[in-house]
């Protein structure tokens, strides 16, 4: 069991059989095993008589989750569908259950893709530049997908959305502070300073007028690649459960994957405009604030929480 996370829990064998039977009536697992990695969901590879799939089960202790995290699997299914409809390789969702009637957790089943993540050490260094350029081209296509309203897909699937970008961003900050107050994560002074900081950038945020799809968790571990006769190629961008209709710079600003090779494939300098650096300050502050909450409350890592608090103070100066 993953002892780092309060959200992760393996299924019992009867639970796993029930989940698979609901997805594929009449089928039972021939083999199954846990897949490594991840602190939020619990993930298995399952082979039945007819299927070879990946099963993802949502978290336990949902009282610890941020508001939008309650709808992540429905959001991921929407993100995957939008990507596939627009020629971007992604997971093929076979079954989604958010009823919590089979087991008291959301779960989804996707086709298994014979692949390794771009972060895998088995990928030769000389192949990574071309893969990152290919990834950049695909992410640019992803960013061309337009939405009708701003906000997290996890909110949009529940009927929530925002008419302007500032309101969508402010709601993210307020959600973190509202939940953090239950566990006394941040003091009132920090909250007031962060929200005052945000209000200073309302005009800059609202220069963004077109909601566009952004992944919001774009790093090498969420890019799957396959070996081909010519070398390697990207075969899927996965785990879009935290995606938003908002600012494409969100996927560039984090720096998790925006290497020179990625930006060369993406083109147009990451679509930076005269307000990009200003908006990026807000996004950096938000990701740090959210990470502070998540690492302290969901993953029980006081050391990483302290690092994020220090980073928050630096950003607010």
C-alpha atoms as a PDB file:
ATOM      1  CA  UNK A   1       0.000   0.000   0.000  1.00  0.00           C
ATOM      2  CA  UNK A   2       1.138   3.555  -0.736  1.00  0.00           C
ATOM      3  CA  UNK A   3       1.848   4.899   2.742  1.00  0.00           C
ATOM      4  CA  UNK A   4       2.577   8.410   1.483  1.00  0.00           C
ATOM      5  CA  UNK A   5      -1.035   9.168   0.634  1.00  0.00           C
ATOM      6  CA  UNK A   6      -4.195   9.273   2.709  1.00  0.00           C
ATOM      7  CA  UNK A   7      -6.210   8.830  -0.506  1.00  0.00           C
ATOM      8  CA  UNK A   8      -4.742   5.615  -1.918  1.00  0.00           C
ATOM      9  CA  UNK A   9      -6.200   2.211  -1.062  1.00  0.00           C
ATOM     10  CA  UNK A  10      -5.968  -1.114  -2.831  1.00  0.00           C
ATOM     11  CA  UNK A  11      -9.143  -3.029  -3.661  1.00  0.00           C
ATOM     12  CA  UNK A  12     -10.012  -6.309  -2.054  1.00  0.00           C
ATOM     13  CA  UNK A  13     -10.331  -9.205  -4.481  1.00  0.00           C
ATOM     14  CA  UNK A  14     -14.161  -9.261  -4.237  1.00  0.00           C
ATOM     15  CA  UNK A  15     -14.255  -5.510  -4.910  1.00  0.00           C
ATOM     16  CA  UNK A  16     -12.075  -5.869  -7.989  1.00  0.00           C
ATOM     17  CA  UNK A  17     -14.234  -8.717  -9.330  1.00  0.00           C
ATOM     18  CA  UNK A  18     -17.377  -6.625  -8.776  1.00  0.00           C
ATOM     19  CA  UNK A  19     -15.921  -3.638 -10.599  1.00  0.00           C
ATOM     20  CA  UNK A  20     -14.843  -5.719 -13.608  1.00  0.00           C
ATOM     21  CA  UNK A  21     -18.192  -7.530 -13.744  1.00  0.00           C
ATOM     22  CA  UNK A  22     -20.009  -4.201 -13.872  1.00  0.00           C
ATOM     23  CA  UNK A  23     -17.818  -2.988 -16.726  1.00  0.00           C
ATOM     24  CA  UNK A  24     -17.802  -6.285 -18.646  1.00  0.00           C
ATOM     25  CA  UNK A  25     -20.796  -8.442 -17.699  1.00  0.00           C
ATOM     26  CA  UNK A  26     -19.949 -12.119 -17.686  1.00  0.00           C
ATOM     27  CA  UNK A  27     -16.183 -11.540 -17.593  1.00  0.00           C
ATOM     28  CA  UNK A  28     -13.830 -12.147 -14.686  1.00  0.00           C
ATOM     29  CA  UNK A  29     -10.186 -11.148 -14.202  1.00  0.00           C
ATOM     30  CA  UNK A  30      -7.732 -13.782 -15.397  1.00  0.00           C
ATOM     31  CA  UNK A  31      -4.793 -11.742 -14.087  1.00  0.00           C
ATOM     32  CA  UNK A  32      -4.394  -8.367 -12.432  1.00  0.00           C
ATOM     33  CA  UNK A  33      -1.641  -6.404 -10.752  1.00  0.00           C
ATOM     34  CA  UNK A  34      -1.077  -2.968  -9.303  1.00  0.00           C
ATOM     35  CA  UNK A  35       0.636  -0.380 -11.433  1.00  0.00           C
ATOM     36  CA  UNK A  36       3.231   1.755  -9.735  1.00  0.00           C
ATOM     37  CA  UNK A  37       3.107   5.496  -9.297  1.00  0.00           C
ATOM     38  CA  UNK A  38       0.381   7.878  -8.289  1.00  0.00           C
ATOM     39  CA  UNK A  39      -0.852   9.111  -4.946  1.00  0.00           C
ATOM     40  CA  UNK A  40      -4.422  10.093  -5.812  1.00  0.00           C
ATOM     41  CA  UNK A  41      -5.912   7.119  -7.681  1.00  0.00           C
ATOM     42  CA  UNK A  42      -5.211   3.410  -7.270  1.00  0.00           C
ATOM     43  CA  UNK A  43      -4.436   1.766 -10.609  1.00  0.00           C
ATOM     44  CA  UNK A  44      -4.404  -1.824 -11.884  1.00  0.00           C
ATOM     45  CA  UNK A  45      -3.751  -3.612 -15.118  1.00  0.00           C
ATOM     46  CA  UNK A  46      -6.489  -6.221 -15.543  1.00  0.00           C
ATOM     47  CA  UNK A  47      -6.710  -8.954 -18.172  1.00  0.00           C
ATOM     48  CA  UNK A  48     -10.031 -10.739 -18.758  1.00  0.00           C
ATOM     49  CA  UNK A  49     -11.126 -13.231 -21.396  1.00  0.00           C
ATOM     50  CA  UNK A  50     -11.815 -10.387 -23.851  1.00  0.00           C
ATOM     51  CA  UNK A  51     -10.037  -7.307 -22.570  1.00  0.00           C
ATOM     52  CA  UNK A  52      -6.638  -5.968 -21.521  1.00  0.00           C
ATOM     53  CA  UNK A  53      -7.365  -2.781 -19.621  1.00  0.00           C
ATOM     54  CA  UNK A  54      -6.235  -0.278 -17.051  1.00  0.00           C
ATOM     55  CA  UNK A  55      -8.571   0.166 -14.086  1.00  0.00           C
ATOM     56  CA  UNK A  56      -8.353   3.390 -12.118  1.00  0.00           C
ATOM     57  CA  UNK A  57     -10.122   3.729  -8.779  1.00  0.00           C
ATOM     58  CA  UNK A  58     -10.716   7.086  -7.145  1.00  0.00           C
ATOM     59  CA  UNK A  59      -9.593   8.117  -3.676  1.00  0.00           C
ATOM     60  CA  UNK A  60     -10.802   7.212  -0.241  1.00  0.00           C
ATOM     61  CA  UNK A  61     -11.151   9.874   2.503  1.00  0.00           C
ATOM     62  CA  UNK A  62     -12.911  12.196   0.096  1.00  0.00           C
ATOM     63  CA  UNK A  63     -13.526  14.634   2.940  1.00  0.00           C
ATOM     64  CA  UNK A  64      -9.923  15.755   2.353  1.00  0.00           C
ATOM     65  CA  UNK A  65     -10.406  16.610  -1.317  1.00  0.00           C
ATOM     66  CA  UNK A  66     -10.541  20.066  -2.827  1.00  0.00           C
ATOM     67  CA  UNK A  67     -14.012  20.781  -4.260  1.00  0.00           C
ATOM     68  CA  UNK A  68     -13.160  20.154  -7.911  1.00  0.00           C
ATOM     69  CA  UNK A  69     -11.315  16.913  -7.084  1.00  0.00           C
ATOM     70  CA  UNK A  70     -14.633  15.153  -6.426  1.00  0.00           C
ATOM     71  CA  UNK A  71     -15.372  15.106 -10.182  1.00  0.00           C
ATOM     72  CA  UNK A  72     -11.965  14.296 -11.620  1.00  0.00           C
ATOM     73  CA  UNK A  73     -12.890  11.034 -13.357  1.00  0.00           C
ATOM     74  CA  UNK A  74     -15.819  12.579 -15.195  1.00  0.00           C
ATOM     75  CA  UNK A  75     -13.520  15.437 -16.165  1.00  0.00           C
ATOM     76  CA  UNK A  76     -10.885  13.030 -17.435  1.00  0.00           C
ATOM     77  CA  UNK A  77     -13.417  11.196 -19.580  1.00  0.00           C
ATOM     78  CA  UNK A  78     -14.453  14.523 -21.136  1.00  0.00           C
ATOM     79  CA  UNK A  79     -10.819  15.558 -21.712  1.00  0.00           C
ATOM     80  CA  UNK A  80     -10.054  12.234 -23.401  1.00  0.00           C
ATOM     81  CA  UNK A  81     -13.111  12.512 -25.644  1.00  0.00           C
ATOM     82  CA  UNK A  82     -12.225  16.063 -26.693  1.00  0.00           C
ATOM     83  CA  UNK A  83      -8.661  15.034 -27.487  1.00  0.00           C
ATOM     84  CA  UNK A  84      -9.652  12.011 -29.554  1.00  0.00           C
ATOM     85  CA  UNK A  85     -12.253  14.017 -31.463  1.00  0.00           C
ATOM     86  CA  UNK A  86      -9.544  16.514 -32.385  1.00  0.00           C
ATOM     87  CA  UNK A  87      -6.863  14.090 -33.498  1.00  0.00           C
ATOM     88  CA  UNK A  88      -4.841  14.081 -30.280  1.00  0.00           C
ATOM     89  CA  UNK A  89      -3.997  10.572 -29.024  1.00  0.00           C
ATOM     90  CA  UNK A  90      -5.452   9.943 -25.579  1.00  0.00           C
ATOM     91  CA  UNK A  91      -6.967   7.184 -23.444  1.00  0.00           C
ATOM     92  CA  UNK A  92      -9.978   5.337 -24.842  1.00  0.00           C
ATOM     93  CA  UNK A  93     -12.477   5.214 -21.980  1.00  0.00           C
ATOM     94  CA  UNK A  94     -14.479   1.987 -22.024  1.00  0.00           C
ATOM     95  CA  UNK A  95     -16.435   2.429 -18.811  1.00  0.00           C
ATOM     96  CA  UNK A  96     -16.957   5.127 -16.199  1.00  0.00           C
ATOM     97  CA  UNK A  97     -18.889   4.759 -12.949  1.00  0.00           C
ATOM     98  CA  UNK A  98     -19.361   7.706 -10.610  1.00  0.00           C
ATOM     99  CA  UNK A  99     -22.469   6.306  -8.889  1.00  0.00           C
ATOM    100  CA  UNK A 100     -20.521   4.804  -5.960  1.00  0.00           C
ATOM    101  CA  UNK A 101     -22.988   1.919  -5.903  1.00  0.00           C
ATOM    102  CA  UNK A 102     -20.668  -0.900  -7.000  1.00  0.00           C
ATOM    103  CA  UNK A 103     -17.994   0.267  -4.571  1.00  0.00           C
ATOM    104  CA  UNK A 104     -17.911   3.521  -2.628  1.00  0.00           C
ATOM    105  CA  UNK A 105     -15.446   5.092  -5.069  1.00  0.00           C
ATOM    106  CA  UNK A 106     -15.475   6.382  -8.620  1.00  0.00           C
ATOM    107  CA  UNK A 107     -13.727   4.166 -11.162  1.00  0.00           C
ATOM    108  CA  UNK A 108     -12.966   4.060 -14.844  1.00  0.00           C
ATOM    109  CA  UNK A 109     -11.699   1.447 -17.289  1.00  0.00           C
ATOM    110  CA  UNK A 110      -9.571   2.364 -20.295  1.00  0.00           C
ATOM    111  CA  UNK A 111      -7.892   0.358 -23.024  1.00  0.00           C
ATOM    112  CA  UNK A 112      -4.331  -0.463 -22.040  1.00  0.00           C
ATOM    113  CA  UNK A 113      -1.773   1.143 -24.327  1.00  0.00           C
ATOM    114  CA  UNK A 114       1.424  -0.848 -24.809  1.00  0.00           C
ATOM    115  CA  UNK A 115       3.808   1.977 -23.973  1.00  0.00           C
ATOM    116  CA  UNK A 116       6.119   3.631 -21.466  1.00  0.00           C
ATOM    117  CA  UNK A 117       5.931   7.194 -20.143  1.00  0.00           C
ATOM    118  CA  UNK A 118       8.260   9.786 -21.603  1.00  0.00           C
ATOM    119  CA  UNK A 119       9.899   9.924 -18.158  1.00  0.00           C
ATOM    120  CA  UNK A 120      10.988   6.264 -18.388  1.00  0.00           C
ATOM    121  CA  UNK A 121      14.791   5.868 -18.153  1.00  0.00           C
ATOM    122  CA  UNK A 122      14.739   3.201 -20.880  1.00  0.00           C
ATOM    123  CA  UNK A 123      14.175   5.881 -23.547  1.00  0.00           C
ATOM    124  CA  UNK A 124      17.526   6.781 -25.137  1.00  0.00           C
ATOM    125  CA  UNK A 125      18.587  10.385 -24.634  1.00  0.00           C
ATOM    126  CA  UNK A 126      19.061  10.869 -28.368  1.00  0.00           C
ATOM    127  CA  UNK A 127      15.350  10.122 -28.931  1.00  0.00           C
ATOM    128  CA  UNK A 128      13.950  12.566 -26.383  1.00  0.00           C
ATOM    129  CA  UNK A 129      14.336  15.742 -28.439  1.00  0.00           C
ATOM    130  CA  UNK A 130      12.157  14.443 -31.271  1.00  0.00           C
ATOM    131  CA  UNK A 131       9.588  13.135 -28.780  1.00  0.00           C
ATOM    132  CA  UNK A 132       9.398  16.486 -27.017  1.00  0.00           C
ATOM    133  CA  UNK A 133       8.957  18.282 -30.341  1.00  0.00           C
ATOM    134  CA  UNK A 134       6.165  15.879 -31.250  1.00  0.00           C
ATOM    135  CA  UNK A 135       4.594  16.458 -27.851  1.00  0.00           C
ATOM    136  CA  UNK A 136       4.792  20.216 -28.411  1.00  0.00           C
ATOM    137  CA  UNK A 137       2.928  19.897 -31.716  1.00  0.00           C
ATOM    138  CA  UNK A 138       0.203  17.798 -30.072  1.00  0.00           C
ATOM    139  CA  UNK A 139      -0.206  20.177 -27.143  1.00  0.00           C
ATOM    140  CA  UNK A 140      -0.589  23.068 -29.559  1.00  0.00           C
ATOM    141  CA  UNK A 141      -3.483  21.149 -31.160  1.00  0.00           C
ATOM    142  CA  UNK A 142      -4.926  20.559 -27.701  1.00  0.00           C
ATOM    143  CA  UNK A 143      -4.778  24.286 -27.001  1.00  0.00           C
ATOM    144  CA  UNK A 144      -6.804  24.999 -30.135  1.00  0.00           C
ATOM    145  CA  UNK A 145      -9.861  23.271 -28.643  1.00  0.00           C
ATOM    146  CA  UNK A 146     -12.323  25.995 -27.670  1.00  0.00           C
ATOM    147  CA  UNK A 147     -14.870  25.927 -24.878  1.00  0.00           C
ATOM    148  CA  UNK A 148     -18.039  27.906 -24.234  1.00  0.00           C
ATOM    149  CA  UNK A 149     -17.111  28.929 -20.688  1.00  0.00           C
ATOM    150  CA  UNK A 150     -14.011  29.228 -18.518  1.00  0.00           C
ATOM    151  CA  UNK A 151     -13.156  26.841 -15.693  1.00  0.00           C
ATOM    152  CA  UNK A 152     -12.117  23.353 -14.674  1.00  0.00           C
ATOM    153  CA  UNK A 153     -13.640  20.549 -16.688  1.00  0.00           C
ATOM    154  CA  UNK A 154     -14.423  19.030 -13.277  1.00  0.00           C
ATOM    155  CA  UNK A 155     -16.667  22.019 -12.595  1.00  0.00           C
ATOM    156  CA  UNK A 156     -18.077  22.242 -16.105  1.00  0.00           C
ATOM    157  CA  UNK A 157     -19.281  18.615 -16.004  1.00  0.00           C
ATOM    158  CA  UNK A 158     -21.295  19.528 -12.906  1.00  0.00           C
ATOM    159  CA  UNK A 159     -22.875  22.550 -14.607  1.00  0.00           C
ATOM    160  CA  UNK A 160     -20.499  25.219 -13.325  1.00  0.00           C
ATOM    161  CA  UNK A 161     -18.539  27.570 -15.547  1.00  0.00           C
ATOM    162  CA  UNK A 162     -17.490  31.208 -15.677  1.00  0.00           C
ATOM    163  CA  UNK A 163     -18.027  34.025 -18.149  1.00  0.00           C
ATOM    164  CA  UNK A 164     -14.568  35.528 -17.656  1.00  0.00           C
ATOM    165  CA  UNK A 165     -11.143  34.195 -16.799  1.00  0.00           C
ATOM    166  CA  UNK A 166     -10.641  36.221 -13.618  1.00  0.00           C
ATOM    167  CA  UNK A 167     -13.760  34.742 -12.022  1.00  0.00           C
ATOM    168  CA  UNK A 168     -12.612  31.223 -12.919  1.00  0.00           C
ATOM    169  CA  UNK A 169      -9.161  31.808 -11.429  1.00  0.00           C
ATOM    170  CA  UNK A 170     -10.535  33.510  -8.311  1.00  0.00           C
ATOM    171  CA  UNK A 171     -12.838  30.532  -7.716  1.00  0.00           C
ATOM    172  CA  UNK A 172      -9.788  28.251  -7.666  1.00  0.00           C
ATOM    173  CA  UNK A 173      -8.104  30.324  -4.969  1.00  0.00           C
ATOM    174  CA  UNK A 174     -11.291  30.597  -2.918  1.00  0.00           C
ATOM    175  CA  UNK A 175     -11.894  26.844  -3.110  1.00  0.00           C
ATOM    176  CA  UNK A 176      -8.430  26.122  -1.713  1.00  0.00           C
ATOM    177  CA  UNK A 177      -8.827  28.613   1.126  1.00  0.00           C
ATOM    178  CA  UNK A 178     -12.334  27.391   1.955  1.00  0.00           C
ATOM    179  CA  UNK A 179     -11.160  23.794   2.260  1.00  0.00           C
ATOM    180  CA  UNK A 180      -7.907  24.700   3.989  1.00  0.00           C
ATOM    181  CA  UNK A 181      -9.845  26.571   6.672  1.00  0.00           C
ATOM    182  CA  UNK A 182     -11.356  23.263   7.829  1.00  0.00           C
ATOM    183  CA  UNK A 183      -7.869  22.008   8.698  1.00  0.00           C
ATOM    184  CA  UNK A 184      -6.267  25.351   9.666  1.00  0.00           C
ATOM    185  CA  UNK A 185      -3.639  25.028   6.935  1.00  0.00           C
ATOM    186  CA  UNK A 186      -3.095  28.754   6.306  1.00  0.00           C
ATOM    187  CA  UNK A 187      -3.467  31.735   8.604  1.00  0.00           C
ATOM    188  CA  UNK A 188      -5.795  34.650   7.868  1.00  0.00           C
ATOM    189  CA  UNK A 189      -2.928  37.021   7.078  1.00  0.00           C
ATOM    190  CA  UNK A 190      -1.636  34.784   4.302  1.00  0.00           C
ATOM    191  CA  UNK A 191      -5.140  34.414   2.882  1.00  0.00           C
ATOM    192  CA  UNK A 192      -5.678  38.182   2.814  1.00  0.00           C
ATOM    193  CA  UNK A 193      -2.312  38.847   1.170  1.00  0.00           C
ATOM    194  CA  UNK A 194      -2.871  36.192  -1.514  1.00  0.00           C
ATOM    195  CA  UNK A 195      -6.344  37.473  -2.418  1.00  0.00           C
ATOM    196  CA  UNK A 196      -5.097  41.076  -2.496  1.00  0.00           C
ATOM    197  CA  UNK A 197      -2.292  39.948  -4.811  1.00  0.00           C
ATOM    198  CA  UNK A 198      -4.833  38.285  -7.086  1.00  0.00           C
ATOM    199  CA  UNK A 199      -7.086  41.351  -7.313  1.00  0.00           C
ATOM    200  CA  UNK A 200      -4.138  43.400  -8.572  1.00  0.00           C
ATOM    201  CA  UNK A 201      -4.084  41.235 -11.696  1.00  0.00           C
ATOM    202  CA  UNK A 202      -7.770  41.222 -12.597  1.00  0.00           C
ATOM    203  CA  UNK A 203      -7.292  43.340 -15.720  1.00  0.00           C
ATOM    204  CA  UNK A 204      -4.357  41.241 -16.942  1.00  0.00           C
ATOM    205  CA  UNK A 205      -6.270  37.997 -16.422  1.00  0.00           C
ATOM    206  CA  UNK A 206      -9.300  39.293 -18.284  1.00  0.00           C
ATOM    207  CA  UNK A 207      -7.232  40.077 -21.363  1.00  0.00           C
ATOM    208  CA  UNK A 208      -7.782  36.365 -22.012  1.00  0.00           C
ATOM    209  CA  UNK A 209     -11.188  36.267 -23.680  1.00  0.00           C
ATOM    210  CA  UNK A 210     -11.309  32.835 -25.331  1.00  0.00           C
ATOM    211  CA  UNK A 211     -11.574  29.644 -23.219  1.00  0.00           C
ATOM    212  CA  UNK A 212      -9.128  27.083 -24.593  1.00  0.00           C
ATOM    213  CA  UNK A 213      -8.392  23.591 -23.361  1.00  0.00           C
ATOM    214  CA  UNK A 214      -5.347  23.231 -21.112  1.00  0.00           C
ATOM    215  CA  UNK A 215      -4.090  20.012 -19.535  1.00  0.00           C
ATOM    216  CA  UNK A 216      -2.854  21.519 -16.218  1.00  0.00           C
ATOM    217  CA  UNK A 217      -0.815  18.434 -15.267  1.00  0.00           C
ATOM    218  CA  UNK A 218       1.497  18.236 -18.237  1.00  0.00           C
ATOM    219  CA  UNK A 219       4.746  16.468 -17.410  1.00  0.00           C
ATOM    220  CA  UNK A 220       6.736  13.642 -18.960  1.00  0.00           C
ATOM    221  CA  UNK A 221       4.966  10.994 -16.871  1.00  0.00           C
ATOM    222  CA  UNK A 222       1.655  11.873 -18.528  1.00  0.00           C
ATOM    223  CA  UNK A 223       2.974  11.442 -22.071  1.00  0.00           C
ATOM    224  CA  UNK A 224       3.037   7.830 -23.303  1.00  0.00           C
ATOM    225  CA  UNK A 225       5.415   6.733 -26.045  1.00  0.00           C
ATOM    226  CA  UNK A 226       5.848   3.591 -28.114  1.00  0.00           C
ATOM    227  CA  UNK A 227       8.892   2.140 -29.820  1.00  0.00           C
ATOM    228  CA  UNK A 228       8.528   1.995 -33.610  1.00  0.00           C
ATOM    229  CA  UNK A 229      10.709   0.851 -36.490  1.00  0.00           C
ATOM    230  CA  UNK A 230      11.898   4.447 -36.844  1.00  0.00           C
ATOM    231  CA  UNK A 231      12.535   4.975 -33.130  1.00  0.00           C
ATOM    232  CA  UNK A 232       9.851   6.229 -30.731  1.00  0.00           C
ATOM    233  CA  UNK A 233       6.598   8.151 -31.146  1.00  0.00           C
ATOM    234  CA  UNK A 234       4.048   9.726 -28.803  1.00  0.00           C
ATOM    235  CA  UNK A 235       0.976   7.486 -28.528  1.00  0.00           C
ATOM    236  CA  UNK A 236      -1.117   9.272 -25.889  1.00  0.00           C
ATOM    237  CA  UNK A 237      -1.399  12.290 -23.626  1.00  0.00           C
ATOM    238  CA  UNK A 238      -3.106  10.997 -20.501  1.00  0.00           C
ATOM    239  CA  UNK A 239      -4.464  12.020 -17.089  1.00  0.00           C
ATOM    240  CA  UNK A 240      -6.317  15.135 -18.182  1.00  0.00           C
ATOM    241  CA  UNK A 241      -8.519  15.060 -15.099  1.00  0.00           C
ATOM    242  CA  UNK A 242      -7.326  18.489 -13.891  1.00  0.00           C
ATOM    243  CA  UNK A 243      -7.799  20.160 -17.268  1.00  0.00           C
ATOM    244  CA  UNK A 244      -9.344  23.600 -17.635  1.00  0.00           C
ATOM    245  CA  UNK A 245     -10.844  25.768 -20.305  1.00  0.00           C
ATOM    246  CA  UNK A 246      -8.613  28.757 -19.824  1.00  0.00           C
ATOM    247  CA  UNK A 247      -5.140  30.026 -20.634  1.00  0.00           C
ATOM    248  CA  UNK A 248      -2.733  27.868 -22.690  1.00  0.00           C
ATOM    249  CA  UNK A 249       0.147  29.452 -20.782  1.00  0.00           C
ATOM    250  CA  UNK A 250      -0.866  27.266 -17.823  1.00  0.00           C
ATOM    251  CA  UNK A 251       0.788  24.300 -19.565  1.00  0.00           C
ATOM    252  CA  UNK A 252       3.890  26.284 -20.485  1.00  0.00           C
ATOM    253  CA  UNK A 253       4.362  28.208 -17.246  1.00  0.00           C
ATOM    254  CA  UNK A 254       4.888  25.239 -14.966  1.00  0.00           C
ATOM    255  CA  UNK A 255       8.109  24.334 -16.748  1.00  0.00           C
ATOM    256  CA  UNK A 256       7.424  20.640 -16.178  1.00  0.00           C
ATOM    257  CA  UNK A 257       7.771  19.824 -19.849  1.00  0.00           C
ATOM    258  CA  UNK A 258       8.408  23.135 -21.633  1.00  0.00           C
ATOM    259  CA  UNK A 259      11.959  22.425 -22.761  1.00  0.00           C
ATOM    260  CA  UNK A 260      13.471  24.161 -25.804  1.00  0.00           C
ATOM    261  CA  UNK A 261      12.601  21.072 -27.890  1.00  0.00           C
ATOM    262  CA  UNK A 262       8.981  21.130 -26.695  1.00  0.00           C
ATOM    263  CA  UNK A 263       8.687  24.849 -27.446  1.00  0.00           C
ATOM    264  CA  UNK A 264      10.197  24.346 -30.892  1.00  0.00           C
ATOM    265  CA  UNK A 265       7.470  21.813 -31.672  1.00  0.00           C
ATOM    266  CA  UNK A 266       4.797  23.991 -30.083  1.00  0.00           C
ATOM    267  CA  UNK A 267       5.800  27.103 -32.030  1.00  0.00           C
ATOM    268  CA  UNK A 268       5.040  30.808 -31.646  1.00  0.00           C
ATOM    269  CA  UNK A 269       7.062  31.078 -28.440  1.00  0.00           C
ATOM    270  CA  UNK A 270       4.447  29.325 -26.358  1.00  0.00           C
ATOM    271  CA  UNK A 271       1.836  31.888 -27.437  1.00  0.00           C
ATOM    272  CA  UNK A 272       3.228  34.436 -25.005  1.00  0.00           C
ATOM    273  CA  UNK A 273       1.708  37.906 -25.242  1.00  0.00           C
ATOM    274  CA  UNK A 274       2.468  41.182 -23.468  1.00  0.00           C
ATOM    275  CA  UNK A 275       0.486  40.076 -20.409  1.00  0.00           C
ATOM    276  CA  UNK A 276       1.829  36.507 -20.284  1.00  0.00           C
ATOM    277  CA  UNK A 277       4.492  37.149 -17.637  1.00  0.00           C
ATOM    278  CA  UNK A 278       1.947  38.921 -15.434  1.00  0.00           C
ATOM    279  CA  UNK A 279      -0.577  36.105 -15.685  1.00  0.00           C
ATOM    280  CA  UNK A 280       2.187  33.598 -15.088  1.00  0.00           C
ATOM    281  CA  UNK A 281       2.860  35.163 -11.662  1.00  0.00           C
ATOM    282  CA  UNK A 282      -0.745  34.434 -10.682  1.00  0.00           C
ATOM    283  CA  UNK A 283      -0.543  30.834 -11.948  1.00  0.00           C
ATOM    284  CA  UNK A 284       2.719  30.216 -10.080  1.00  0.00           C
ATOM    285  CA  UNK A 285       1.121  31.488  -6.892  1.00  0.00           C
ATOM    286  CA  UNK A 286      -1.945  29.302  -7.396  1.00  0.00           C
ATOM    287  CA  UNK A 287      -0.050  26.081  -8.138  1.00  0.00           C
ATOM    288  CA  UNK A 288       2.129  26.672  -5.073  1.00  0.00           C
ATOM    289  CA  UNK A 289      -0.887  27.359  -2.844  1.00  0.00           C
ATOM    290  CA  UNK A 290      -2.718  24.275  -4.079  1.00  0.00           C
ATOM    291  CA  UNK A 291       0.378  22.102  -3.719  1.00  0.00           C
ATOM    292  CA  UNK A 292       0.840  23.285  -0.136  1.00  0.00           C
ATOM    293  CA  UNK A 293      -2.661  22.093   0.738  1.00  0.00           C
ATOM    294  CA  UNK A 294      -2.404  18.820  -1.164  1.00  0.00           C
ATOM    295  CA  UNK A 295       0.970  17.788   0.236  1.00  0.00           C
ATOM    296  CA  UNK A 296      -0.026  18.579   3.821  1.00  0.00           C
ATOM    297  CA  UNK A 297      -3.607  17.295   3.960  1.00  0.00           C
ATOM    298  CA  UNK A 298      -3.899  14.656   1.236  1.00  0.00           C
ATOM    299  CA  UNK A 299      -0.375  13.225   1.112  1.00  0.00           C
ATOM    300  CA  UNK A 300       0.828  13.890   4.669  1.00  0.00           C
ATOM    301  CA  UNK A 301       4.195  15.394   3.718  1.00  0.00           C
ATOM    302  CA  UNK A 302       5.048  18.233   6.090  1.00  0.00           C
ATOM    303  CA  UNK A 303       8.456  18.739   4.453  1.00  0.00           C
ATOM    304  CA  UNK A 304       7.005  19.491   1.017  1.00  0.00           C
ATOM    305  CA  UNK A 305       4.265  21.598   2.631  1.00  0.00           C
ATOM    306  CA  UNK A 306       6.989  23.723   4.275  1.00  0.00           C
ATOM    307  CA  UNK A 307       8.798  24.131   0.949  1.00  0.00           C
ATOM    308  CA  UNK A 308       5.612  25.401  -0.658  1.00  0.00           C
ATOM    309  CA  UNK A 309       4.929  27.828   2.190  1.00  0.00           C
ATOM    310  CA  UNK A 310       8.412  29.262   1.709  1.00  0.00           C
ATOM    311  CA  UNK A 311       7.783  29.561  -2.020  1.00  0.00           C
ATOM    312  CA  UNK A 312       4.465  31.332  -1.357  1.00  0.00           C
ATOM    313  CA  UNK A 313       6.242  33.975   0.695  1.00  0.00           C
ATOM    314  CA  UNK A 314       8.796  34.486  -2.062  1.00  0.00           C
ATOM    315  CA  UNK A 315       6.084  34.939  -4.679  1.00  0.00           C
ATOM    316  CA  UNK A 316       4.193  37.439  -2.537  1.00  0.00           C
ATOM    317  CA  UNK A 317       7.207  39.717  -2.102  1.00  0.00           C
END
